[in-house]
N, C-alpha and C. Protein backbone atom coordinates (compact mmCIF):
# COMPACT_ATOMS: atom_id res chain seq x y z
N MET A 1 18.54 53.63 -4.91
CA MET A 1 18.98 52.56 -5.75
C MET A 1 17.79 51.69 -6.16
N HIS A 2 17.67 51.43 -7.43
CA HIS A 2 16.57 50.60 -7.91
C HIS A 2 17.07 49.20 -8.22
N TYR A 3 16.29 48.23 -7.78
CA TYR A 3 16.61 46.85 -8.09
C TYR A 3 15.62 46.34 -9.13
N LYS A 4 16.10 45.58 -10.05
CA LYS A 4 15.21 44.97 -11.03
C LYS A 4 14.38 43.89 -10.34
N GLN A 5 13.12 43.89 -10.65
CA GLN A 5 12.27 42.83 -10.10
C GLN A 5 12.35 41.62 -11.02
N SER A 6 12.67 40.53 -10.44
CA SER A 6 12.80 39.30 -11.20
C SER A 6 11.50 38.51 -11.09
N ARG A 7 11.12 37.88 -12.16
CA ARG A 7 9.92 37.04 -12.13
C ARG A 7 10.23 35.64 -11.63
N ALA A 8 11.46 35.30 -11.57
CA ALA A 8 11.87 33.97 -11.09
C ALA A 8 11.73 33.92 -9.57
N PRO A 9 11.40 32.77 -9.02
CA PRO A 9 11.29 32.66 -7.57
C PRO A 9 12.65 32.85 -6.92
N PRO A 10 12.66 33.30 -5.67
CA PRO A 10 13.94 33.47 -4.98
C PRO A 10 14.72 32.17 -4.96
N THR A 11 16.04 32.29 -5.00
CA THR A 11 16.87 31.09 -5.08
C THR A 11 16.91 30.32 -3.76
N ASP A 12 16.56 30.99 -2.65
CA ASP A 12 16.60 30.29 -1.37
C ASP A 12 15.35 29.46 -1.12
N VAL A 13 14.32 29.61 -1.96
CA VAL A 13 13.09 28.84 -1.81
C VAL A 13 13.00 27.89 -2.99
N VAL A 14 13.10 26.62 -2.72
CA VAL A 14 13.03 25.62 -3.78
C VAL A 14 11.89 24.67 -3.44
N GLN A 15 10.96 24.57 -4.34
CA GLN A 15 9.84 23.66 -4.12
C GLN A 15 10.10 22.38 -4.89
N THR A 16 10.15 21.31 -4.17
CA THR A 16 10.36 20.02 -4.81
C THR A 16 9.23 19.09 -4.41
N LYS A 17 8.99 18.13 -5.25
CA LYS A 17 7.96 17.14 -4.97
C LYS A 17 8.48 16.20 -3.89
N ARG A 18 7.66 15.97 -2.88
CA ARG A 18 8.05 15.05 -1.82
C ARG A 18 7.90 13.62 -2.31
N LEU A 19 8.91 12.84 -2.06
CA LEU A 19 8.87 11.43 -2.42
C LEU A 19 8.64 10.61 -1.17
N ARG A 20 7.82 9.62 -1.29
CA ARG A 20 7.55 8.74 -0.17
C ARG A 20 8.73 7.78 -0.03
N LYS A 21 9.24 7.70 1.18
CA LYS A 21 10.37 6.81 1.43
C LYS A 21 9.86 5.45 1.87
N HIS A 22 10.56 4.43 1.46
CA HIS A 22 10.20 3.06 1.81
C HIS A 22 11.35 2.45 2.59
N TYR A 23 11.01 1.76 3.67
CA TYR A 23 12.02 1.16 4.52
C TYR A 23 11.77 -0.33 4.63
N THR A 24 12.84 -1.11 4.61
CA THR A 24 12.71 -2.56 4.76
C THR A 24 12.47 -2.90 6.22
N ILE A 25 12.02 -4.11 6.47
CA ILE A 25 11.81 -4.58 7.83
C ILE A 25 13.14 -4.56 8.58
N LYS A 26 14.22 -4.93 7.91
CA LYS A 26 15.55 -4.93 8.53
C LYS A 26 15.92 -3.53 9.01
N LYS A 27 15.69 -2.53 8.17
CA LYS A 27 16.00 -1.14 8.53
C LYS A 27 15.14 -0.69 9.71
N LYS A 28 13.85 -1.02 9.68
CA LYS A 28 12.96 -0.63 10.77
C LYS A 28 13.44 -1.23 12.09
N ARG A 29 13.82 -2.51 12.05
CA ARG A 29 14.30 -3.16 13.28
C ARG A 29 15.57 -2.49 13.80
N ALA A 30 16.49 -2.18 12.90
CA ALA A 30 17.75 -1.55 13.31
C ALA A 30 17.49 -0.17 13.92
N VAL A 31 16.61 0.59 13.31
CA VAL A 31 16.29 1.93 13.82
C VAL A 31 15.59 1.84 15.17
N LEU A 32 14.64 0.93 15.29
CA LEU A 32 13.93 0.78 16.57
C LEU A 32 14.88 0.39 17.69
N GLN A 33 15.87 -0.44 17.40
CA GLN A 33 16.87 -0.80 18.41
C GLN A 33 17.71 0.42 18.78
N ALA A 34 18.07 1.21 17.78
CA ALA A 34 18.96 2.35 18.00
C ALA A 34 18.30 3.49 18.77
N ILE A 35 16.98 3.62 18.68
CA ILE A 35 16.31 4.76 19.31
C ILE A 35 15.69 4.44 20.66
N LYS A 36 15.95 3.26 21.18
CA LYS A 36 15.42 2.90 22.50
C LYS A 36 15.88 3.94 23.53
N GLY A 37 14.94 4.47 24.30
CA GLY A 37 15.26 5.42 25.36
C GLY A 37 15.41 6.86 24.90
N LYS A 38 15.31 7.13 23.60
CA LYS A 38 15.43 8.49 23.10
C LYS A 38 14.05 9.12 22.94
N THR A 39 13.99 10.44 23.01
CA THR A 39 12.74 11.13 22.75
C THR A 39 12.48 11.10 21.25
N GLU A 40 11.27 11.48 20.85
CA GLU A 40 10.94 11.49 19.43
C GLU A 40 11.86 12.42 18.65
N ARG A 41 12.09 13.60 19.20
CA ARG A 41 12.94 14.58 18.51
C ARG A 41 14.38 14.08 18.37
N GLU A 42 14.92 13.55 19.46
CA GLU A 42 16.30 13.03 19.42
C GLU A 42 16.42 11.90 18.40
N ALA A 43 15.44 11.00 18.44
CA ALA A 43 15.47 9.85 17.54
C ALA A 43 15.36 10.29 16.08
N ALA A 44 14.45 11.22 15.81
CA ALA A 44 14.27 11.69 14.44
C ALA A 44 15.53 12.38 13.93
N TRP A 45 16.15 13.18 14.79
CA TRP A 45 17.36 13.90 14.38
C TRP A 45 18.52 12.93 14.15
N SER A 46 18.69 11.98 15.06
CA SER A 46 19.84 11.07 14.94
C SER A 46 19.72 10.11 13.77
N GLU A 47 18.49 9.70 13.44
CA GLU A 47 18.30 8.72 12.37
C GLU A 47 17.95 9.35 11.02
N GLY A 48 17.57 10.63 11.04
CA GLY A 48 17.21 11.30 9.79
C GLY A 48 15.88 10.82 9.23
N ILE A 49 14.97 10.44 10.12
CA ILE A 49 13.65 9.94 9.72
C ILE A 49 12.61 10.82 10.40
N GLN A 50 11.52 11.10 9.71
CA GLN A 50 10.46 11.95 10.26
C GLN A 50 9.95 11.43 11.60
N ARG A 51 9.60 12.36 12.48
CA ARG A 51 9.09 11.99 13.81
C ARG A 51 7.83 11.14 13.72
N TRP A 52 6.90 11.54 12.86
CA TRP A 52 5.64 10.80 12.77
C TRP A 52 5.88 9.38 12.28
N THR A 53 6.88 9.19 11.41
CA THR A 53 7.21 7.85 10.93
C THR A 53 7.73 6.99 12.08
N LEU A 54 8.65 7.56 12.85
CA LEU A 54 9.19 6.83 14.00
C LEU A 54 8.10 6.53 15.03
N ASN A 55 7.19 7.47 15.22
CA ASN A 55 6.09 7.26 16.16
C ASN A 55 5.22 6.08 15.71
N ASP A 56 4.92 6.02 14.42
CA ASP A 56 4.13 4.89 13.90
C ASP A 56 4.88 3.58 14.07
N TRP A 57 6.19 3.60 13.83
CA TRP A 57 6.99 2.38 13.99
C TRP A 57 7.00 1.94 15.44
N ARG A 58 7.08 2.88 16.37
CA ARG A 58 7.09 2.52 17.79
C ARG A 58 5.76 1.90 18.20
N LYS A 59 4.66 2.41 17.67
CA LYS A 59 3.35 1.85 17.98
C LYS A 59 3.23 0.42 17.47
N ASP A 60 3.88 0.14 16.35
CA ASP A 60 3.78 -1.16 15.69
C ASP A 60 5.03 -2.02 15.93
N GLU A 61 5.80 -1.66 16.95
CA GLU A 61 7.10 -2.31 17.19
C GLU A 61 6.97 -3.81 17.43
N GLU A 62 5.97 -4.20 18.19
CA GLU A 62 5.82 -5.62 18.53
C GLU A 62 5.65 -6.48 17.29
N SER A 63 4.79 -6.05 16.37
CA SER A 63 4.57 -6.87 15.18
C SER A 63 5.77 -6.80 14.22
N THR A 64 6.51 -5.70 14.25
CA THR A 64 7.71 -5.60 13.40
C THR A 64 8.75 -6.63 13.82
N PHE A 65 8.94 -6.79 15.13
CA PHE A 65 9.92 -7.76 15.61
C PHE A 65 9.37 -9.19 15.57
N ALA A 66 8.05 -9.34 15.57
CA ALA A 66 7.45 -10.68 15.52
C ALA A 66 7.43 -11.24 14.10
N TYR A 67 7.57 -10.38 13.10
CA TYR A 67 7.52 -10.81 11.71
C TYR A 67 8.68 -11.75 11.40
N GLU A 68 8.38 -12.88 10.76
CA GLU A 68 9.40 -13.90 10.51
C GLU A 68 9.73 -14.08 9.03
N GLY A 69 9.20 -13.24 8.17
CA GLY A 69 9.48 -13.37 6.74
C GLY A 69 10.79 -12.73 6.35
N SER A 70 10.93 -12.46 5.08
CA SER A 70 12.16 -11.85 4.55
C SER A 70 12.33 -10.43 5.11
N GLU A 71 13.54 -10.11 5.53
CA GLU A 71 13.81 -8.77 6.04
C GLU A 71 13.95 -7.76 4.92
N LYS A 72 14.01 -8.23 3.69
CA LYS A 72 14.15 -7.31 2.56
C LYS A 72 12.80 -6.75 2.12
N THR A 73 11.72 -7.36 2.57
CA THR A 73 10.40 -6.93 2.13
C THR A 73 10.06 -5.57 2.72
N LEU A 74 9.19 -4.84 2.03
CA LEU A 74 8.79 -3.52 2.48
C LEU A 74 7.53 -3.56 3.33
N SER A 75 6.80 -4.66 3.29
CA SER A 75 5.58 -4.77 4.09
C SER A 75 5.55 -6.13 4.76
N ARG A 76 4.56 -6.31 5.60
CA ARG A 76 4.44 -7.58 6.32
C ARG A 76 3.35 -8.46 5.74
N ALA A 77 2.97 -8.24 4.49
CA ALA A 77 1.93 -9.04 3.87
C ALA A 77 2.49 -10.41 3.51
N PRO A 78 2.04 -11.48 4.16
CA PRO A 78 2.60 -12.80 3.90
C PRO A 78 2.00 -13.46 2.66
N GLY A 79 2.73 -14.40 2.13
CA GLY A 79 2.20 -15.24 1.06
C GLY A 79 2.16 -14.55 -0.29
N CYS A 80 1.52 -15.22 -1.22
CA CYS A 80 1.42 -14.67 -2.57
C CYS A 80 0.30 -13.64 -2.64
N PRO A 81 0.34 -12.75 -3.60
CA PRO A 81 -0.71 -11.74 -3.71
C PRO A 81 -2.03 -12.39 -4.11
N GLU A 82 -3.12 -11.73 -3.73
CA GLU A 82 -4.43 -12.26 -4.08
C GLU A 82 -4.61 -12.20 -5.59
N THR A 83 -5.22 -13.23 -6.12
CA THR A 83 -5.49 -13.26 -7.55
C THR A 83 -6.95 -13.60 -7.77
N VAL A 84 -7.52 -13.00 -8.79
CA VAL A 84 -8.88 -13.31 -9.18
C VAL A 84 -8.76 -14.03 -10.51
N PRO A 85 -9.10 -15.32 -10.53
CA PRO A 85 -8.87 -16.11 -11.73
C PRO A 85 -9.67 -15.66 -12.94
N PHE A 86 -10.74 -14.92 -12.74
CA PHE A 86 -11.56 -14.50 -13.86
C PHE A 86 -11.46 -12.99 -14.10
N SER A 87 -10.38 -12.37 -13.67
CA SER A 87 -10.26 -10.92 -13.80
C SER A 87 -10.29 -10.47 -15.26
N GLY A 88 -9.68 -11.24 -16.15
CA GLY A 88 -9.71 -10.89 -17.57
C GLY A 88 -11.12 -10.87 -18.13
N GLU A 89 -11.90 -11.87 -17.77
CA GLU A 89 -13.29 -11.94 -18.24
C GLU A 89 -14.12 -10.80 -17.65
N LEU A 90 -13.87 -10.46 -16.40
CA LEU A 90 -14.61 -9.37 -15.76
C LEU A 90 -14.27 -8.04 -16.44
N ILE A 91 -13.02 -7.83 -16.76
CA ILE A 91 -12.62 -6.60 -17.45
C ILE A 91 -13.28 -6.53 -18.83
N THR A 92 -13.33 -7.65 -19.53
CA THR A 92 -14.00 -7.68 -20.83
C THR A 92 -15.47 -7.35 -20.68
N PHE A 93 -16.12 -7.90 -19.65
CA PHE A 93 -17.53 -7.60 -19.38
C PHE A 93 -17.72 -6.11 -19.13
N ILE A 94 -16.83 -5.51 -18.34
CA ILE A 94 -16.93 -4.09 -18.02
C ILE A 94 -16.77 -3.25 -19.29
N LYS A 95 -15.78 -3.58 -20.12
CA LYS A 95 -15.55 -2.83 -21.35
C LYS A 95 -16.73 -2.96 -22.31
N ASP A 96 -17.30 -4.17 -22.40
CA ASP A 96 -18.46 -4.37 -23.26
C ASP A 96 -19.65 -3.55 -22.77
N ALA A 97 -19.84 -3.53 -21.47
CA ALA A 97 -20.95 -2.75 -20.91
C ALA A 97 -20.77 -1.26 -21.19
N ARG A 98 -19.57 -0.77 -21.05
CA ARG A 98 -19.30 0.65 -21.34
C ARG A 98 -19.49 0.95 -22.83
N ARG A 99 -19.00 0.04 -23.66
CA ARG A 99 -19.11 0.23 -25.11
C ARG A 99 -20.58 0.28 -25.53
N ASP A 100 -21.41 -0.53 -24.88
CA ASP A 100 -22.84 -0.57 -25.21
C ASP A 100 -23.63 0.49 -24.46
N SER A 101 -22.94 1.37 -23.73
CA SER A 101 -23.55 2.46 -22.96
C SER A 101 -24.55 1.95 -21.92
N GLU A 102 -24.28 0.78 -21.38
CA GLU A 102 -25.12 0.25 -20.32
C GLU A 102 -24.70 0.85 -18.98
N VAL A 103 -25.65 0.86 -18.06
CA VAL A 103 -25.34 1.34 -16.72
C VAL A 103 -24.50 0.28 -16.03
N LEU A 104 -23.34 0.68 -15.55
CA LEU A 104 -22.43 -0.26 -14.92
C LEU A 104 -22.33 0.06 -13.43
N THR A 105 -22.83 -0.83 -12.62
CA THR A 105 -22.79 -0.63 -11.17
C THR A 105 -22.12 -1.84 -10.52
N ALA A 106 -21.84 -1.70 -9.23
CA ALA A 106 -21.27 -2.82 -8.49
C ALA A 106 -22.24 -4.00 -8.50
N LYS A 107 -23.53 -3.70 -8.44
CA LYS A 107 -24.54 -4.76 -8.45
C LYS A 107 -24.49 -5.52 -9.78
N THR A 108 -24.33 -4.79 -10.88
CA THR A 108 -24.25 -5.44 -12.20
C THR A 108 -23.07 -6.39 -12.27
N MET A 109 -21.92 -5.92 -11.77
CA MET A 109 -20.73 -6.77 -11.79
C MET A 109 -20.88 -7.96 -10.84
N ALA A 110 -21.50 -7.74 -9.68
CA ALA A 110 -21.71 -8.84 -8.74
C ALA A 110 -22.64 -9.89 -9.33
N CYS A 111 -23.67 -9.45 -10.04
CA CYS A 111 -24.58 -10.40 -10.70
C CYS A 111 -23.85 -11.19 -11.78
N TYR A 112 -22.97 -10.53 -12.52
CA TYR A 112 -22.18 -11.22 -13.54
C TYR A 112 -21.32 -12.31 -12.90
N VAL A 113 -20.64 -11.97 -11.83
CA VAL A 113 -19.79 -12.94 -11.14
C VAL A 113 -20.64 -14.08 -10.59
N ARG A 114 -21.78 -13.74 -9.99
CA ARG A 114 -22.65 -14.77 -9.42
C ARG A 114 -23.14 -15.74 -10.49
N ASP A 115 -23.52 -15.21 -11.65
CA ASP A 115 -24.05 -16.05 -12.71
C ASP A 115 -22.97 -16.86 -13.43
N GLN A 116 -21.80 -16.26 -13.64
CA GLN A 116 -20.75 -16.91 -14.41
C GLN A 116 -19.81 -17.78 -13.57
N TYR A 117 -19.62 -17.44 -12.30
CA TYR A 117 -18.65 -18.14 -11.45
C TYR A 117 -19.24 -18.49 -10.08
N PRO A 118 -20.29 -19.31 -10.05
CA PRO A 118 -20.91 -19.64 -8.76
C PRO A 118 -19.98 -20.42 -7.83
N GLU A 119 -19.05 -21.23 -8.39
CA GLU A 119 -18.13 -21.99 -7.54
C GLU A 119 -17.19 -21.06 -6.78
N MET A 120 -16.87 -19.92 -7.36
CA MET A 120 -16.01 -18.95 -6.67
C MET A 120 -16.74 -18.39 -5.45
N LEU A 121 -17.99 -18.07 -5.61
CA LEU A 121 -18.75 -17.54 -4.48
C LEU A 121 -18.92 -18.58 -3.39
N ASP A 122 -19.12 -19.84 -3.79
CA ASP A 122 -19.21 -20.91 -2.80
C ASP A 122 -17.92 -21.01 -2.00
N MET A 123 -16.80 -20.92 -2.70
CA MET A 123 -15.52 -21.01 -2.02
C MET A 123 -15.32 -19.82 -1.08
N LEU A 124 -15.67 -18.63 -1.53
CA LEU A 124 -15.50 -17.45 -0.70
C LEU A 124 -16.36 -17.50 0.56
N HIS A 125 -17.49 -18.15 0.46
CA HIS A 125 -18.36 -18.28 1.62
C HIS A 125 -17.97 -19.46 2.50
N GLY A 126 -16.91 -20.15 2.15
CA GLY A 126 -16.39 -21.24 2.98
C GLY A 126 -17.13 -22.54 2.84
N ARG A 127 -17.97 -22.66 1.83
CA ARG A 127 -18.74 -23.89 1.66
C ARG A 127 -17.97 -24.95 0.90
N GLN A 128 -16.89 -24.58 0.26
CA GLN A 128 -16.18 -25.53 -0.59
C GLN A 128 -14.71 -25.14 -0.59
N GLU A 129 -13.82 -26.12 -0.50
CA GLU A 129 -12.40 -25.84 -0.65
C GLU A 129 -12.15 -25.53 -2.12
N GLY A 130 -11.60 -24.39 -2.38
CA GLY A 130 -11.44 -23.97 -3.77
C GLY A 130 -10.08 -24.30 -4.35
N ARG A 131 -10.03 -24.24 -5.64
CA ARG A 131 -8.77 -24.46 -6.32
C ARG A 131 -8.07 -23.14 -6.58
N PHE A 132 -8.70 -22.04 -6.18
CA PHE A 132 -8.15 -20.72 -6.43
C PHE A 132 -7.31 -20.31 -5.24
N HIS A 133 -6.05 -20.07 -5.49
CA HIS A 133 -5.10 -19.75 -4.43
C HIS A 133 -5.05 -18.25 -4.20
N GLY A 134 -5.01 -17.84 -2.96
CA GLY A 134 -4.80 -16.44 -2.65
C GLY A 134 -6.06 -15.66 -2.35
N LEU A 135 -7.21 -16.26 -2.35
CA LEU A 135 -8.44 -15.52 -2.03
C LEU A 135 -8.90 -15.81 -0.63
């Protein structure tokens, strides 16, 4: 008996892109409470979460329960995000340098910031209380 060879992959093998799952602090706390006393395998099977993820959560359990911010957040980063008040000007400088075919290095950008925004560097070095929030 001859079978036709199909060029399509077998139907029992499906390759899908793995998506990274995100868990809230509230979910992490609930899972950590539920898996107390269980082995990694038992905990992973009962909660439907990868073993390595649960292992990382167990290592970081103390700080997860110590966190006092919103339980809806996905990370423990407090406060507002860092902002660079001159980011627009720096991007313009970078684009101009590229347009003019100049060599653009970290040193070049650092010199630009030093020359154009010395008060920012003073604040970053702790010499002056700055008006820039989040740095």
